[in-house]
Amino acid sequence: MESDDGLAVRRRSERLRRTGFRQTQVIDPSTGRPAWMWARVWRGVRDAVIATADGALAYRVWDADFDQHNPFTVEDDITLWRAVGEFLPCSAELLALDPPSTHRRIVRTRP
């Protein structure tokens, strides 16, 4: 019999796939261990969730800024949104985000 956590993870994975995420297995370069990545491109942004045995990383970046060769590292200056922690809360936060804008916003800071 599947545990409640296992069932919740399976259901979340199914929901991610239903909402346009593609699930692939990737290798964590820092540990050499496999991880699962769910990613989609939507309105010019890439949403991604990476789950390892140690935790999860979810983020939103402009698709043009996404490094497909190293999805585990996302620089702060290109990150539109990020969450680190456990798979279920991180993926829930990502799914709850507003739809992405169809254009880049320039954020200006004053000195």
N, C-alpha and C. Protein backbone atom coordinates (compact mmCIF):
# COMPACT_ATOMS: atom_id res chain seq x y z
N MET A 1 0.84 -1.18 0.00
CA MET A 1 0.00 0.00 0.00
C MET A 1 0.89 1.25 0.00
N GLU A 2 0.49 2.24 -0.78
CA GLU A 2 1.25 3.47 -0.91
C GLU A 2 0.99 4.40 0.28
N SER A 3 2.05 5.05 0.77
CA SER A 3 1.90 5.98 1.89
C SER A 3 1.15 7.23 1.43
N ASP A 4 0.65 7.98 2.40
CA ASP A 4 -0.04 9.24 2.08
C ASP A 4 0.89 10.20 1.35
N ASP A 5 2.15 10.30 1.80
CA ASP A 5 3.12 11.17 1.14
C ASP A 5 3.39 10.70 -0.29
N GLY A 6 3.55 9.40 -0.46
CA GLY A 6 3.80 8.85 -1.79
C GLY A 6 2.65 9.13 -2.74
N LEU A 7 1.43 8.99 -2.24
CA LEU A 7 0.25 9.26 -3.05
C LEU A 7 0.18 10.75 -3.40
N ALA A 8 0.49 11.62 -2.45
CA ALA A 8 0.47 13.07 -2.69
C ALA A 8 1.51 13.46 -3.74
N VAL A 9 2.68 12.86 -3.66
CA VAL A 9 3.74 13.14 -4.64
C VAL A 9 3.30 12.66 -6.03
N ARG A 10 2.72 11.49 -6.10
CA ARG A 10 2.27 10.96 -7.39
C ARG A 10 1.18 11.85 -7.99
N ARG A 11 0.24 12.28 -7.15
CA ARG A 11 -0.83 13.16 -7.64
C ARG A 11 -0.29 14.52 -8.09
N ARG A 12 0.68 15.06 -7.36
CA ARG A 12 1.26 16.34 -7.76
C ARG A 12 2.00 16.18 -9.08
N SER A 13 2.73 15.08 -9.25
CA SER A 13 3.43 14.82 -10.51
C SER A 13 2.44 14.76 -11.67
N GLU A 14 1.32 14.10 -11.45
CA GLU A 14 0.29 14.02 -12.49
C GLU A 14 -0.28 15.40 -12.80
N ARG A 15 -0.50 16.21 -11.76
CA ARG A 15 -1.02 17.56 -11.98
C ARG A 15 -0.04 18.41 -12.77
N LEU A 16 1.24 18.30 -12.43
CA LEU A 16 2.25 19.04 -13.19
C LEU A 16 2.21 18.64 -14.66
N ARG A 17 2.14 17.35 -14.93
CA ARG A 17 2.10 16.89 -16.33
C ARG A 17 0.82 17.38 -17.03
N ARG A 18 -0.31 17.37 -16.33
CA ARG A 18 -1.57 17.85 -16.92
C ARG A 18 -1.53 19.34 -17.24
N THR A 19 -0.73 20.09 -16.51
CA THR A 19 -0.65 21.53 -16.75
C THR A 19 0.51 21.91 -17.67
N GLY A 20 1.02 20.95 -18.41
CA GLY A 20 2.00 21.25 -19.45
C GLY A 20 3.45 21.00 -19.11
N PHE A 21 3.73 20.49 -17.92
CA PHE A 21 5.11 20.20 -17.54
C PHE A 21 5.54 18.87 -18.15
N ARG A 22 6.76 18.82 -18.61
CA ARG A 22 7.36 17.59 -19.13
C ARG A 22 8.30 17.06 -18.06
N GLN A 23 8.17 15.80 -17.72
CA GLN A 23 8.98 15.19 -16.67
C GLN A 23 10.15 14.43 -17.28
N THR A 24 11.36 14.75 -16.79
CA THR A 24 12.56 14.06 -17.26
C THR A 24 13.46 13.77 -16.07
N GLN A 25 14.33 12.82 -16.25
CA GLN A 25 15.31 12.53 -15.21
C GLN A 25 16.61 13.25 -15.58
N VAL A 26 17.20 13.92 -14.60
CA VAL A 26 18.45 14.64 -14.79
C VAL A 26 19.43 14.19 -13.71
N ILE A 27 20.69 14.45 -13.93
CA ILE A 27 21.72 14.08 -12.96
C ILE A 27 22.20 15.34 -12.25
N ASP A 28 22.16 15.30 -10.93
CA ASP A 28 22.65 16.42 -10.12
C ASP A 28 24.18 16.43 -10.24
N PRO A 29 24.75 17.48 -10.83
CA PRO A 29 26.21 17.50 -11.03
C PRO A 29 27.00 17.54 -9.72
N SER A 30 26.41 18.03 -8.65
CA SER A 30 27.16 18.12 -7.39
C SER A 30 27.24 16.77 -6.67
N THR A 31 26.27 15.89 -6.92
CA THR A 31 26.27 14.59 -6.23
C THR A 31 26.41 13.41 -7.18
N GLY A 32 26.11 13.63 -8.45
CA GLY A 32 26.13 12.53 -9.41
C GLY A 32 24.89 11.64 -9.31
N ARG A 33 23.93 12.05 -8.46
CA ARG A 33 22.72 11.24 -8.28
C ARG A 33 21.59 11.73 -9.19
N PRO A 34 20.69 10.83 -9.55
CA PRO A 34 19.57 11.23 -10.39
C PRO A 34 18.56 12.07 -9.62
N ALA A 35 17.86 12.92 -10.37
CA ALA A 35 16.79 13.76 -9.83
C ALA A 35 15.70 13.82 -10.90
N TRP A 36 14.51 14.21 -10.49
CA TRP A 36 13.41 14.39 -11.43
C TRP A 36 13.22 15.88 -11.67
N MET A 37 13.02 16.24 -12.94
CA MET A 37 12.75 17.63 -13.28
C MET A 37 11.45 17.70 -14.08
N TRP A 38 10.59 18.62 -13.67
CA TRP A 38 9.38 18.93 -14.41
C TRP A 38 9.59 20.35 -14.94
N ALA A 39 9.40 20.56 -16.23
CA ALA A 39 9.62 21.88 -16.81
C ALA A 39 8.62 22.14 -17.92
N ARG A 40 8.26 23.41 -18.06
CA ARG A 40 7.40 23.84 -19.16
C ARG A 40 7.83 25.24 -19.58
N VAL A 41 7.53 25.56 -20.83
CA VAL A 41 7.72 26.92 -21.33
C VAL A 41 6.33 27.47 -21.58
N TRP A 42 6.07 28.64 -21.00
CA TRP A 42 4.74 29.22 -21.05
C TRP A 42 4.89 30.73 -21.16
N ARG A 43 4.39 31.29 -22.25
CA ARG A 43 4.44 32.73 -22.48
C ARG A 43 5.86 33.31 -22.35
N GLY A 44 6.83 32.55 -22.83
CA GLY A 44 8.20 33.04 -22.83
C GLY A 44 8.99 32.80 -21.55
N VAL A 45 8.37 32.17 -20.55
CA VAL A 45 9.11 31.86 -19.34
C VAL A 45 9.20 30.35 -19.17
N ARG A 46 10.23 29.94 -18.46
CA ARG A 46 10.38 28.52 -18.13
C ARG A 46 10.11 28.37 -16.65
N ASP A 47 9.15 27.50 -16.34
CA ASP A 47 8.87 27.09 -14.97
C ASP A 47 9.49 25.72 -14.79
N ALA A 48 10.17 25.52 -13.67
CA ALA A 48 10.83 24.24 -13.43
C ALA A 48 10.75 23.86 -11.96
N VAL A 49 10.65 22.56 -11.74
CA VAL A 49 10.74 21.98 -10.40
C VAL A 49 11.73 20.83 -10.51
N ILE A 50 12.73 20.84 -9.63
CA ILE A 50 13.71 19.75 -9.59
C ILE A 50 13.62 19.12 -8.21
N ALA A 51 13.39 17.81 -8.17
CA ALA A 51 13.26 17.10 -6.91
C ALA A 51 14.36 16.06 -6.78
N THR A 52 15.06 16.12 -5.66
CA THR A 52 16.09 15.13 -5.34
C THR A 52 15.68 14.44 -4.04
N ALA A 53 16.47 13.49 -3.62
CA ALA A 53 16.19 12.83 -2.34
C ALA A 53 16.35 13.79 -1.17
N ASP A 54 17.12 14.87 -1.38
CA ASP A 54 17.40 15.83 -0.31
C ASP A 54 16.44 17.02 -0.26
N GLY A 55 15.64 17.23 -1.30
CA GLY A 55 14.74 18.38 -1.32
C GLY A 55 14.39 18.78 -2.73
N ALA A 56 13.86 19.99 -2.86
CA ALA A 56 13.40 20.45 -4.17
C ALA A 56 13.77 21.90 -4.39
N LEU A 57 13.85 22.26 -5.66
CA LEU A 57 14.07 23.61 -6.11
C LEU A 57 13.02 23.88 -7.19
N ALA A 58 12.28 24.97 -7.04
CA ALA A 58 11.32 25.38 -8.07
C ALA A 58 11.66 26.81 -8.45
N TYR A 59 11.54 27.13 -9.73
CA TYR A 59 11.86 28.49 -10.15
C TYR A 59 11.17 28.86 -11.45
N ARG A 60 11.15 30.17 -11.71
CA ARG A 60 10.66 30.73 -12.97
C ARG A 60 11.72 31.67 -13.49
N VAL A 61 12.12 31.48 -14.75
CA VAL A 61 13.08 32.35 -15.43
C VAL A 61 12.58 32.58 -16.85
N TRP A 62 13.07 33.63 -17.50
CA TRP A 62 12.78 33.79 -18.92
C TRP A 62 13.41 32.61 -19.64
N ASP A 63 12.70 32.07 -20.61
CA ASP A 63 13.20 30.89 -21.31
C ASP A 63 14.56 31.14 -21.95
N ALA A 64 14.78 32.33 -22.47
CA ALA A 64 16.06 32.65 -23.11
C ALA A 64 17.22 32.60 -22.11
N ASP A 65 16.93 32.77 -20.83
CA ASP A 65 17.98 32.75 -19.80
C ASP A 65 18.22 31.37 -19.21
N PHE A 66 17.39 30.39 -19.55
CA PHE A 66 17.50 29.05 -18.98
C PHE A 66 18.71 28.31 -19.53
N ASP A 67 19.49 27.70 -18.64
CA ASP A 67 20.67 26.92 -19.05
C ASP A 67 20.30 25.45 -18.99
N GLN A 68 19.99 24.86 -20.13
CA GLN A 68 19.57 23.46 -20.15
C GLN A 68 20.68 22.50 -19.73
N HIS A 69 21.91 22.94 -19.80
CA HIS A 69 23.02 22.07 -19.41
C HIS A 69 23.24 22.05 -17.90
N ASN A 70 22.69 23.04 -17.19
CA ASN A 70 22.81 23.08 -15.74
C ASN A 70 21.55 23.69 -15.12
N PRO A 71 20.47 22.91 -15.11
CA PRO A 71 19.22 23.44 -14.56
C PRO A 71 19.23 23.59 -13.04
N PHE A 72 20.26 23.08 -12.38
CA PHE A 72 20.35 23.14 -10.92
C PHE A 72 20.85 24.51 -10.43
N THR A 73 21.47 25.27 -11.30
CA THR A 73 22.02 26.56 -10.92
C THR A 73 21.27 27.66 -11.66
N VAL A 74 20.64 28.54 -10.89
CA VAL A 74 19.91 29.67 -11.47
C VAL A 74 20.39 30.92 -10.76
N GLU A 75 20.98 31.81 -11.51
CA GLU A 75 21.52 33.04 -10.94
C GLU A 75 20.41 33.94 -10.43
N ASP A 76 20.68 34.64 -9.33
CA ASP A 76 19.68 35.52 -8.73
C ASP A 76 19.20 36.61 -9.68
N ASP A 77 20.11 37.14 -10.50
CA ASP A 77 19.73 38.26 -11.36
C ASP A 77 18.81 37.88 -12.52
N ILE A 78 18.66 36.59 -12.81
CA ILE A 78 17.73 36.17 -13.87
C ILE A 78 16.50 35.47 -13.32
N THR A 79 16.47 35.24 -12.03
CA THR A 79 15.35 34.52 -11.42
C THR A 79 14.16 35.44 -11.22
N LEU A 80 13.02 35.06 -11.78
CA LEU A 80 11.79 35.81 -11.59
C LEU A 80 11.10 35.38 -10.30
N TRP A 81 11.27 34.13 -9.93
CA TRP A 81 10.68 33.56 -8.72
C TRP A 81 11.45 32.28 -8.39
N ARG A 82 11.55 31.96 -7.06
CA ARG A 82 12.26 30.75 -6.66
C ARG A 82 11.74 30.27 -5.30
N ALA A 83 11.73 28.95 -5.12
CA ALA A 83 11.42 28.34 -3.82
C ALA A 83 12.33 27.14 -3.64
N VAL A 84 12.79 26.96 -2.41
CA VAL A 84 13.65 25.83 -2.06
C VAL A 84 13.04 25.17 -0.84
N GLY A 85 13.01 23.84 -0.84
CA GLY A 85 12.45 23.12 0.30
C GLY A 85 12.04 21.72 -0.10
N GLU A 86 10.83 21.35 0.27
CA GLU A 86 10.29 20.03 -0.07
C GLU A 86 9.47 20.13 -1.36
N PHE A 87 9.36 19.00 -2.05
CA PHE A 87 8.71 18.96 -3.35
C PHE A 87 7.27 19.47 -3.31
N LEU A 88 6.46 18.98 -2.40
CA LEU A 88 5.04 19.36 -2.40
C LEU A 88 4.82 20.85 -2.19
N PRO A 89 5.41 21.48 -1.16
CA PRO A 89 5.19 22.93 -1.02
C PRO A 89 5.79 23.76 -2.16
N CYS A 90 6.99 23.40 -2.62
CA CYS A 90 7.62 24.16 -3.70
C CYS A 90 6.80 24.09 -4.98
N SER A 91 6.36 22.90 -5.34
CA SER A 91 5.58 22.75 -6.57
C SER A 91 4.21 23.41 -6.43
N ALA A 92 3.62 23.39 -5.24
CA ALA A 92 2.33 24.05 -5.02
C ALA A 92 2.46 25.56 -5.20
N GLU A 93 3.54 26.13 -4.68
CA GLU A 93 3.77 27.57 -4.84
C GLU A 93 3.93 27.94 -6.31
N LEU A 94 4.67 27.12 -7.05
CA LEU A 94 4.87 27.39 -8.48
C LEU A 94 3.54 27.32 -9.23
N LEU A 95 2.75 26.31 -8.95
CA LEU A 95 1.47 26.18 -9.63
C LEU A 95 0.50 27.32 -9.28
N ALA A 96 0.69 27.93 -8.12
CA ALA A 96 -0.20 29.01 -7.69
C ALA A 96 0.21 30.39 -8.22
N LEU A 97 1.37 30.48 -8.87
CA LEU A 97 1.81 31.78 -9.41
C LEU A 97 0.84 32.29 -10.47
N ASP A 98 0.76 33.61 -10.57
CA ASP A 98 -0.01 34.22 -11.65
C ASP A 98 0.62 33.85 -12.98
N PRO A 99 -0.18 33.83 -14.05
CA PRO A 99 0.41 33.58 -15.37
C PRO A 99 1.49 34.59 -15.66
N PRO A 100 2.52 34.18 -16.38
CA PRO A 100 3.60 35.11 -16.69
C PRO A 100 3.15 36.21 -17.62
N SER A 101 3.79 37.36 -17.47
CA SER A 101 3.56 38.48 -18.38
C SER A 101 4.09 38.07 -19.75
N THR A 102 3.56 38.68 -20.79
CA THR A 102 4.02 38.33 -22.14
C THR A 102 5.23 39.13 -22.58
N HIS A 103 5.75 39.97 -21.70
CA HIS A 103 6.94 40.74 -22.05
C HIS A 103 7.81 40.93 -20.81
N ARG A 104 9.08 41.18 -21.05
CA ARG A 104 10.00 41.42 -19.94
C ARG A 104 9.73 42.77 -19.32
N ARG A 105 9.82 42.79 -18.02
CA ARG A 105 9.72 44.06 -17.30
C ARG A 105 11.13 44.49 -16.92
N ILE A 106 11.40 45.75 -17.12
CA ILE A 106 12.69 46.28 -16.71
C ILE A 106 12.52 46.84 -15.31
N VAL A 107 13.26 46.30 -14.38
CA VAL A 107 13.19 46.77 -13.02
C VAL A 107 14.36 47.71 -12.79
N ARG A 108 14.04 48.94 -12.43
CA ARG A 108 15.08 49.94 -12.18
C ARG A 108 15.17 50.20 -10.71
N THR A 109 16.36 50.29 -10.23
CA THR A 109 16.57 50.63 -8.83
C THR A 109 17.25 51.99 -8.75
N ARG A 110 16.95 52.70 -7.71
CA ARG A 110 17.58 54.01 -7.52
C ARG A 110 18.80 53.84 -6.64
N PRO A 111 19.85 54.61 -6.93
CA PRO A 111 21.06 54.50 -6.11
C PRO A 111 20.84 55.00 -4.71
